[in-house]
N, C-alpha and C. Protein backbone atom coordinates (compact mmCIF):
# COMPACT_ATOMS: atom_id res chain seq x y z
N MET A 1 0.79 -1.10 0.02
CA MET A 1 -0.29 -0.14 0.03
C MET A 1 0.86 1.31 0.01
N ARG A 2 2.00 1.08 0.87
CA ARG A 2 2.88 2.35 0.57
C ARG A 2 3.36 2.65 -0.75
N ARG A 3 3.68 1.71 -1.65
CA ARG A 3 4.08 2.00 -2.94
C ARG A 3 3.01 2.63 -3.58
N ILE A 4 1.91 2.35 -3.64
CA ILE A 4 0.66 3.16 -4.37
C ILE A 4 0.80 4.60 -4.07
N ILE A 5 0.78 4.84 -2.72
CA ILE A 5 0.68 6.12 -2.43
C ILE A 5 1.94 6.84 -2.81
N VAL A 6 3.16 6.65 -2.83
CA VAL A 6 4.31 7.11 -3.26
C VAL A 6 4.01 7.29 -4.88
N PHE A 7 3.83 6.58 -5.60
CA PHE A 7 3.63 6.65 -7.00
C PHE A 7 2.97 7.44 -7.31
N ALA A 8 1.48 7.81 -6.48
CA ALA A 8 0.30 8.67 -6.53
C ALA A 8 0.92 10.17 -6.32
N ALA A 9 1.67 10.38 -5.25
CA ALA A 9 2.10 11.34 -4.77
C ALA A 9 3.14 12.20 -5.57
N ALA A 10 4.12 11.10 -6.41
CA ALA A 10 5.19 11.65 -7.52
C ALA A 10 4.23 11.90 -8.70
N GLY A 11 3.20 11.06 -9.03
CA GLY A 11 2.45 11.50 -10.23
C GLY A 11 1.90 12.95 -10.22
N LEU A 12 1.13 13.04 -9.03
CA LEU A 12 0.50 14.52 -8.66
C LEU A 12 1.56 15.86 -8.59
N SER A 13 2.51 15.36 -8.29
CA SER A 13 3.74 16.46 -8.35
C SER A 13 4.21 16.91 -9.67
N LEU A 14 4.37 15.91 -10.45
CA LEU A 14 4.57 16.19 -11.87
C LEU A 14 3.43 16.94 -12.67
N ALA A 15 1.97 16.28 -12.32
CA ALA A 15 0.90 16.97 -12.95
C ALA A 15 0.80 18.62 -12.70
N GLY A 16 1.36 18.81 -11.50
CA GLY A 16 1.11 20.19 -10.99
C GLY A 16 2.17 21.17 -11.57
N CYS A 17 3.24 20.71 -12.17
CA CYS A 17 4.40 21.11 -12.63
C CYS A 17 4.17 22.10 -13.70
N SER A 18 4.27 23.57 -13.95
CA SER A 18 3.61 23.97 -15.18
C SER A 18 4.71 24.11 -16.09
N SER A 19 6.00 23.60 -15.96
CA SER A 19 7.00 23.72 -17.02
C SER A 19 7.54 22.35 -17.38
N PHE A 20 6.67 21.35 -17.02
CA PHE A 20 6.84 20.07 -17.65
C PHE A 20 6.60 20.24 -19.10
N SER A 21 7.34 19.65 -19.79
CA SER A 21 7.36 19.39 -21.29
C SER A 21 7.97 18.14 -21.77
N LEU A 22 7.51 17.79 -23.05
CA LEU A 22 8.40 16.88 -23.65
C LEU A 22 9.90 16.81 -23.67
N ASP A 23 10.13 18.04 -23.95
CA ASP A 23 11.55 18.63 -24.29
C ASP A 23 12.55 17.57 -23.15
N SER A 24 11.99 17.78 -21.91
CA SER A 24 13.03 17.00 -20.88
C SER A 24 13.41 15.76 -21.36
N PHE A 25 12.65 15.20 -21.97
CA PHE A 25 12.95 13.56 -22.33
C PHE A 25 13.95 13.64 -23.53
N LYS A 26 14.24 14.45 -24.43
CA LYS A 26 14.79 14.49 -25.25
C LYS A 26 16.54 14.75 -24.69
N SER A 27 17.52 13.97 -25.27
CA SER A 27 18.96 13.94 -24.81
C SER A 27 19.38 15.02 -25.58
N ALA A 28 20.50 15.47 -25.36
CA ALA A 28 21.33 16.47 -25.98
C ALA A 28 22.00 15.91 -27.10
N PRO A 29 22.09 16.77 -28.19
CA PRO A 29 22.89 16.08 -29.33
C PRO A 29 23.99 15.68 -29.00
N PRO A 30 24.64 14.41 -29.59
CA PRO A 30 25.83 13.85 -29.25
C PRO A 30 27.17 15.07 -30.07
N PRO A 31 28.07 14.84 -29.55
CA PRO A 31 29.20 15.88 -30.40
C PRO A 31 29.39 15.38 -31.88
N MET A 32 29.80 16.22 -32.37
CA MET A 32 30.13 15.72 -33.92
C MET A 32 31.93 15.83 -34.11
N GLN A 33 32.28 14.86 -35.00
CA GLN A 33 33.42 14.65 -35.29
C GLN A 33 33.72 15.40 -36.64
N VAL A 34 34.58 16.13 -36.83
CA VAL A 34 35.04 17.21 -38.02
C VAL A 34 36.62 16.83 -38.37
N GLN A 35 36.55 16.19 -39.64
CA GLN A 35 37.76 16.14 -40.21
C GLN A 35 38.18 17.26 -40.71
N LEU A 36 39.66 17.64 -40.34
CA LEU A 36 40.53 18.81 -41.05
C LEU A 36 41.53 18.21 -41.54
N ASP A 37 41.86 18.79 -42.75
CA ASP A 37 43.14 18.47 -43.57
C ASP A 37 43.55 19.38 -44.23
N SER A 38 44.76 19.66 -44.81
CA SER A 38 45.30 20.73 -45.54
C SER A 38 46.57 20.09 -46.75
N ASN A 39 47.02 21.09 -47.30
CA ASN A 39 47.69 20.77 -48.41
C ASN A 39 48.86 21.83 -48.39
N PRO A 40 49.83 21.88 -47.68
CA PRO A 40 50.45 20.85 -47.28
C PRO A 40 50.28 20.51 -45.73
N GLN A 41 50.25 19.36 -45.30
CA GLN A 41 50.08 18.86 -43.95
C GLN A 41 50.77 19.44 -43.01
N GLY A 42 50.38 19.54 -41.77
CA GLY A 42 50.99 20.23 -40.58
C GLY A 42 50.48 21.39 -40.23
N ALA A 43 49.41 21.67 -40.91
CA ALA A 43 48.93 23.14 -40.50
C ALA A 43 48.09 23.09 -39.33
N ASP A 44 48.25 24.44 -38.21
CA ASP A 44 47.34 24.49 -37.28
C ASP A 44 45.77 24.80 -37.85
N ALA A 45 44.84 23.93 -37.65
CA ALA A 45 43.54 24.31 -37.71
C ALA A 45 42.63 24.58 -36.54
N VAL A 46 42.00 25.84 -36.69
CA VAL A 46 41.17 26.36 -35.68
C VAL A 46 39.76 26.29 -36.06
N THR A 47 39.06 25.91 -35.28
CA THR A 47 37.54 26.13 -35.69
C THR A 47 36.76 27.49 -35.06
N SER A 48 36.30 28.30 -35.44
CA SER A 48 35.44 29.35 -34.92
C SER A 48 34.83 28.96 -33.73
N ILE A 49 34.38 27.95 -33.18
CA ILE A 49 33.34 27.66 -32.19
C ILE A 49 34.60 26.97 -31.15
N GLY A 50 35.85 26.97 -31.56
CA GLY A 50 36.49 26.44 -30.27
C GLY A 50 37.82 25.73 -30.63
N PRO A 51 37.23 24.53 -30.56
CA PRO A 51 38.49 23.25 -31.04
C PRO A 51 39.49 23.47 -32.05
N GLY A 52 40.59 22.76 -32.18
CA GLY A 52 41.54 22.94 -33.01
C GLY A 52 42.82 21.61 -32.76
N CYS A 53 43.43 21.73 -33.98
CA CYS A 53 44.28 20.55 -34.21
C CYS A 53 45.20 20.94 -35.38
N LYS A 54 46.29 19.97 -35.17
CA LYS A 54 47.24 20.25 -36.45
C LYS A 54 46.66 19.07 -37.57
N THR A 55 46.84 19.55 -38.73
CA THR A 55 46.30 18.73 -39.82
C THR A 55 47.26 17.53 -40.52
N PRO A 56 46.64 16.17 -40.64
CA PRO A 56 45.42 16.02 -40.69
C PRO A 56 45.25 15.62 -39.22
N CYS A 57 43.72 15.59 -39.01
CA CYS A 57 43.17 15.42 -37.96
C CYS A 57 41.66 15.75 -37.69
N SER A 58 41.33 15.46 -36.47
CA SER A 58 39.59 15.15 -36.13
C SER A 58 39.41 15.81 -34.91
N VAL A 59 38.46 16.62 -34.96
CA VAL A 59 38.15 17.31 -33.52
C VAL A 59 36.66 17.02 -33.26
N SER A 60 36.25 16.69 -31.78
CA SER A 60 35.00 16.75 -31.63
C SER A 60 34.52 18.05 -31.10
N ILE A 61 33.31 18.58 -31.62
CA ILE A 61 32.45 19.70 -31.48
C ILE A 61 31.29 19.38 -30.88
N PRO A 62 30.60 20.16 -30.06
CA PRO A 62 28.91 20.13 -29.93
C PRO A 62 28.25 20.48 -31.35
N ALA A 63 27.32 19.87 -31.29
CA ALA A 63 26.38 20.05 -32.60
C ALA A 63 26.00 21.35 -32.85
N PRO A 64 26.90 22.18 -33.71
CA PRO A 64 26.57 23.69 -34.15
C PRO A 64 25.33 23.77 -34.46
N GLU A 65 24.68 24.89 -33.94
CA GLU A 65 23.38 25.73 -34.13
C GLU A 65 23.42 26.38 -35.38
N SER A 66 24.70 26.82 -35.92
CA SER A 66 24.63 27.74 -36.97
C SER A 66 26.18 27.59 -37.94
N ASN A 67 26.28 28.41 -38.92
CA ASN A 67 27.90 28.14 -39.46
C ASN A 67 28.95 28.36 -39.07
N PHE A 68 29.76 27.93 -39.28
CA PHE A 68 31.27 28.24 -38.47
C PHE A 68 32.38 28.28 -39.52
N THR A 69 33.44 28.87 -39.11
CA THR A 69 34.55 28.71 -39.99
C THR A 69 35.84 27.76 -39.54
N VAL A 70 36.83 27.43 -40.35
CA VAL A 70 37.76 26.92 -39.82
C VAL A 70 39.11 27.53 -40.69
N THR A 71 40.14 28.08 -39.59
CA THR A 71 41.32 28.96 -40.11
C THR A 71 42.58 27.87 -40.03
N PHE A 72 43.13 27.96 -41.23
CA PHE A 72 44.20 27.29 -41.43
C PHE A 72 45.30 28.03 -41.49
N ASN A 73 46.59 27.86 -40.50
CA ASN A 73 47.74 28.69 -40.32
C ASN A 73 49.25 27.91 -40.53
N MET A 74 49.95 28.16 -41.09
CA MET A 74 51.48 27.27 -40.92
C MET A 74 52.45 28.33 -41.54
N PRO A 75 53.54 28.34 -40.72
CA PRO A 75 55.01 29.33 -41.58
C PRO A 75 55.10 29.19 -42.61
N LYS A 76 55.33 30.21 -43.29
CA LYS A 76 55.74 30.68 -44.46
C LYS A 76 54.56 30.04 -45.64
N PHE A 77 53.38 30.07 -45.20
CA PHE A 77 52.37 30.06 -46.38
C PHE A 77 51.08 30.93 -45.73
N GLN A 78 50.48 31.45 -46.68
CA GLN A 78 49.17 32.50 -46.27
C GLN A 78 48.08 31.80 -45.61
N PRO A 79 47.45 32.40 -44.57
CA PRO A 79 46.39 31.68 -43.96
C PRO A 79 45.35 31.65 -44.87
N ALA A 80 44.40 30.66 -44.32
CA ALA A 80 43.28 30.18 -45.56
C ALA A 80 42.04 29.88 -44.31
N THR A 81 40.84 30.59 -44.74
CA THR A 81 39.79 30.34 -43.85
C THR A 81 38.67 29.64 -44.76
N VAL A 82 37.92 28.41 -43.96
CA VAL A 82 37.09 27.83 -44.66
C VAL A 82 35.73 27.98 -44.35
N PRO A 83 34.72 28.30 -45.06
CA PRO A 83 33.59 28.50 -44.15
C PRO A 83 32.81 27.23 -44.40
N VAL A 84 31.90 26.76 -43.04
CA VAL A 84 31.46 25.40 -43.04
C VAL A 84 29.76 25.70 -42.96
N THR A 85 29.05 25.10 -43.63
CA THR A 85 27.86 25.25 -43.76
C THR A 85 27.19 23.90 -42.58
N VAL A 86 26.31 24.23 -41.94
CA VAL A 86 25.64 23.33 -41.12
C VAL A 86 24.17 23.58 -41.64
N THR A 87 23.68 22.20 -41.70
CA THR A 87 22.12 22.12 -41.97
C THR A 87 21.61 21.12 -41.15
N ARG A 88 20.70 21.29 -40.44
CA ARG A 88 19.96 20.64 -39.13
C ARG A 88 18.63 20.24 -39.81
N THR A 89 18.20 18.90 -39.82
CA THR A 89 17.31 18.41 -40.27
C THR A 89 16.52 17.80 -38.88
N PRO A 90 15.43 18.76 -38.49
CA PRO A 90 14.75 18.26 -37.42
C PRO A 90 14.11 16.76 -37.22
N GLY A 91 14.25 16.29 -36.18
CA GLY A 91 13.67 14.55 -35.81
C GLY A 91 12.23 14.74 -35.57
N ASP A 92 11.54 13.55 -35.62
CA ASP A 92 10.31 13.53 -35.06
C ASP A 92 10.24 12.22 -34.15
N PHE A 93 9.19 11.80 -33.76
CA PHE A 93 8.96 10.75 -33.04
C PHE A 93 9.70 9.74 -33.37
N THR A 94 9.78 9.07 -34.96
CA THR A 94 10.61 8.27 -35.37
C THR A 94 11.59 8.13 -35.81
N SER A 95 12.32 9.44 -36.12
CA SER A 95 13.55 9.49 -36.55
C SER A 95 14.13 10.72 -35.63
N PRO A 96 15.62 10.62 -35.44
CA PRO A 96 16.28 11.78 -34.47
C PRO A 96 16.41 12.86 -35.41
N ALA A 97 17.01 13.85 -34.85
CA ALA A 97 17.33 15.17 -35.68
C ALA A 97 18.91 14.91 -36.19
N THR A 98 19.06 15.34 -37.28
CA THR A 98 20.29 14.98 -37.97
C THR A 98 21.12 16.44 -38.31
N THR A 99 22.24 16.45 -38.36
CA THR A 99 23.08 17.50 -38.53
C THR A 99 24.38 17.31 -39.19
N THR A 100 24.40 17.85 -40.51
CA THR A 100 25.41 17.76 -41.75
C THR A 100 26.16 18.95 -41.85
N LEU A 101 27.57 18.47 -42.07
CA LEU A 101 28.29 19.87 -42.20
C LEU A 101 28.65 20.01 -43.98
N ASP A 102 28.68 20.88 -44.58
CA ASP A 102 29.45 20.95 -45.94
C ASP A 102 30.60 22.30 -45.70
N PRO A 103 31.72 21.71 -46.24
CA PRO A 103 32.36 20.68 -46.58
C PRO A 103 32.74 19.67 -45.67
N SER A 104 32.72 18.26 -46.07
CA SER A 104 33.23 17.20 -44.98
C SER A 104 34.04 16.17 -45.74
N PRO A 105 35.20 16.03 -45.51
CA PRO A 105 36.17 16.96 -44.76
C PRO A 105 36.59 18.14 -44.93
N VAL A 106 36.92 18.91 -44.15
CA VAL A 106 37.06 20.23 -44.34
C VAL A 106 38.59 20.64 -44.91
N PHE A 107 38.99 20.95 -45.96
CA PHE A 107 40.19 20.85 -46.55
C PHE A 107 40.65 22.20 -46.99
N ALA A 108 41.95 22.70 -46.87
CA ALA A 108 42.20 24.10 -47.47
C ALA A 108 43.62 23.80 -48.27
N GLU A 109 43.79 24.49 -49.38
CA GLU A 109 44.95 24.46 -49.98
C GLU A 109 45.81 25.54 -49.77
N LEU A 110 47.01 25.49 -48.96
CA LEU A 110 47.51 26.64 -48.61
C LEU A 110 48.50 26.94 -49.79
N GLN A 111 48.64 28.58 -49.71
CA GLN A 111 49.36 29.27 -50.73
C GLN A 111 50.74 29.66 -50.14
N PRO A 112 51.84 29.21 -50.87
CA PRO A 112 53.28 29.87 -50.31
C PRO A 112 53.26 31.34 -50.29
N ALA A 113 53.69 31.91 -48.96
CA ALA A 113 53.79 33.34 -48.83
C ALA A 113 54.69 33.79 -49.56
N GLY A 114 54.79 35.22 -50.26
CA GLY A 114 55.43 35.66 -51.05
C GLY A 114 57.31 35.92 -50.31
N PRO A 115 57.90 36.22 -51.09
CA PRO A 115 59.33 36.22 -50.15
C PRO A 115 59.15 37.62 -49.41
N PRO A 116 59.73 37.56 -48.62
CA PRO A 116 59.94 39.04 -47.54
C PRO A 116 60.63 40.12 -48.27
N PRO A 117 59.87 41.27 -48.07
CA PRO A 117 60.58 42.44 -48.69
C PRO A 117 61.66 42.81 -48.34
N ARG A 118 62.80 43.11 -49.51
CA ARG A 118 64.04 43.36 -49.20
C ARG A 118 64.07 44.80 -49.13
N ALA A 119 65.20 44.90 -48.29
CA ALA A 119 65.71 46.34 -48.06
C ALA A 119 66.09 47.30 -49.25
N HIS A 120 65.54 47.97 -49.75
CA HIS A 120 65.88 48.51 -51.03
C HIS A 120 67.33 49.33 -51.20
N LYS A 121 68.25 49.59 -51.87
CA LYS A 121 69.27 49.98 -51.83
C LYS A 121 69.14 51.00 -52.99
N PRO A 122 69.63 52.26 -52.63
CA PRO A 122 69.47 53.55 -53.67
C PRO A 122 70.47 53.02 -54.94
N ARG A 123 69.46 53.11 -56.03
CA ARG A 123 70.37 52.90 -57.06
C ARG A 123 70.93 54.05 -57.55
N PRO A 124 72.21 54.30 -58.06
CA PRO A 124 72.65 55.44 -58.85
C PRO A 124 71.92 55.76 -60.15
N LYS A 125 71.40 57.18 -60.32
CA LYS A 125 70.71 57.39 -61.51
C LYS A 125 71.32 57.61 -62.56
N ARG A 126 71.06 57.22 -63.76
CA ARG A 126 71.56 57.07 -65.11
C ARG A 126 71.84 58.56 -65.40
N LYS A 127 72.57 59.01 -66.07
CA LYS A 127 72.93 60.58 -66.41
C LYS A 127 72.33 60.37 -67.82
N LYS A 128 71.42 61.47 -68.08
CA LYS A 128 70.96 61.79 -69.46
C LYS A 128 71.95 62.36 -70.28
N PRO A 129 72.31 62.10 -71.64
CA PRO A 129 73.27 63.10 -72.29
C PRO A 129 72.37 64.44 -72.54
N LYS A 130 73.41 65.42 -72.52
CA LYS A 130 72.92 66.92 -72.60
C LYS A 130 72.66 67.00 -74.15
N PRO A 131 71.73 67.75 -74.36
CA PRO A 131 71.55 68.24 -75.49
C PRO A 131 72.68 68.77 -76.40
N ALA A 132 73.60 69.67 -75.71
CA ALA A 132 74.90 70.30 -76.12
C ALA A 132 75.67 69.33 -76.81
N ALA A 133 75.83 68.48 -75.79
CA ALA A 133 76.77 67.14 -76.20
C ALA A 133 76.71 66.82 -77.76
N ALA A 134 75.10 66.34 -77.98
CA ALA A 134 74.69 65.91 -79.04
C ALA A 134 74.83 66.68 -80.28
N ALA A 135 74.90 68.21 -79.89
CA ALA A 135 74.90 69.01 -81.25
C ALA A 135 76.21 68.96 -81.47
N ALA A 136 77.12 69.33 -80.43
CA ALA A 136 78.74 68.93 -80.89
C ALA A 136 79.37 67.83 -81.39
N ALA A 137 78.58 66.72 -81.55
CA ALA A 137 79.14 65.34 -82.28
C ALA A 137 78.44 65.50 -83.96
N ALA A 138 77.46 66.34 -83.89
CA ALA A 138 77.08 66.47 -85.37
C ALA A 138 78.24 67.42 -86.32
N PRO A 139 78.55 67.15 -87.40
CA PRO A 139 79.68 68.08 -88.14
C PRO A 139 78.77 69.32 -88.57
N ALA A 140 79.45 70.28 -88.34
CA ALA A 140 79.23 71.48 -88.62
C ALA A 140 78.53 71.74 -90.34
N GLY A 141 77.65 72.37 -90.39
CA GLY A 141 77.15 72.76 -91.95
C GLY A 141 76.72 71.44 -92.60
N ALA A 142 76.48 70.45 -91.97
CA ALA A 142 75.86 69.27 -92.42
C ALA A 142 74.48 69.39 -92.63
N PRO A 143 74.06 68.77 -93.92
CA PRO A 143 72.78 69.09 -94.62
C PRO A 143 71.92 68.59 -93.51
N ASP A 144 72.14 67.28 -92.87
CA ASP A 144 71.22 66.90 -91.98
C ASP A 144 70.72 67.67 -90.67
N ALA A 145 71.44 68.59 -90.52
CA ALA A 145 71.59 69.68 -89.25
C ALA A 145 70.26 70.34 -89.37
N ALA A 146 69.50 70.47 -88.04
CA ALA A 146 68.54 71.34 -88.12
C ALA A 146 68.56 72.95 -88.42
N PHE A 147 69.61 73.09 -87.92
CA PHE A 147 70.18 74.45 -87.74
C PHE A 147 71.78 74.73 -88.11
N PRO A 148 72.05 75.84 -88.86
CA PRO A 148 73.49 75.95 -89.33
C PRO A 148 74.19 76.06 -88.09
N ALA A 149 75.46 75.81 -88.29
CA ALA A 149 76.47 75.71 -87.31
C ALA A 149 76.81 77.38 -87.12
N PRO A 150 76.80 77.71 -85.52
CA PRO A 150 77.03 79.24 -85.61
C PRO A 150 77.96 79.81 -86.16
N ALA A 151 79.07 79.13 -86.32
CA ALA A 151 80.48 79.77 -86.70
C ALA A 151 80.41 79.87 -88.10
N ALA A 152 79.53 79.39 -88.86
CA ALA A 152 79.20 79.73 -90.34
C ALA A 152 78.64 81.13 -90.42
N ALA A 153 79.27 81.74 -91.23
CA ALA A 153 78.55 83.43 -91.46
C ALA A 153 77.41 83.27 -92.69
N PRO A 154 76.90 83.91 -92.76
CA PRO A 154 75.73 84.07 -93.62
C PRO A 154 76.21 84.23 -94.79
N PRO A 155 75.70 84.01 -96.22
CA PRO A 155 76.21 84.34 -97.40
C PRO A 155 76.23 85.87 -97.67
N ALA A 156 76.94 86.70 -98.15
CA ALA A 156 77.18 88.07 -98.36
C ALA A 156 76.08 88.38 -99.30
N ALA A 157 75.37 89.53 -99.28
CA ALA A 157 74.18 89.82 -100.27
C ALA A 157 74.97 90.45 -101.26
N ALA A 158 74.48 90.61 -102.46
CA ALA A 158 75.19 91.70 -103.59
C ALA A 158 74.70 92.98 -102.94
N ALA A 159 75.60 93.92 -103.10
CA ALA A 159 75.34 95.25 -102.94
C ALA A 159 74.82 95.84 -104.10
N PRO A 160 73.77 96.83 -104.01
CA PRO A 160 73.34 97.32 -105.42
C PRO A 160 74.32 98.27 -105.99
N THR A 161 74.52 98.49 -107.29
CA THR A 161 75.29 99.42 -107.44
C THR A 161 74.78 100.75 -108.26
N ARG A 162 75.15 101.59 -108.20
CA ARG A 162 74.51 102.67 -108.69
C ARG A 162 75.18 103.70 -109.82
């Protein structure tokens, strides 16, 4: 008889609880494994939601609610960030909710960083030839010359006779 009273009291206490819902029976979504890889391998990969590792590797993340990114870093290479799209399919009484990631595995092709900037040494400026030097090189009175040589006197004009 005591057992019946205990069950009845427990049932009444649950029924009187206004915050009671079926959600309390759902379990938390299990963590997801995310595969991370890069070319070249050995890059540090860090997710925007926390966990990271050195590629190739796998990290365990809580089932994400929204999209996230993975950033890959490696010395002498440019960093790369890969966006990951999260697609959630709600479950019902017959099937559990599912979460898929795209891309999976997450892969980054790292590009080599450019050479470090060199210290610029001042270069000596080239001297342009002066125009006078070019005129002196041309022979005086040459028919190609644009102007007659200054030493040449103009031809004498015939004086009128009276």
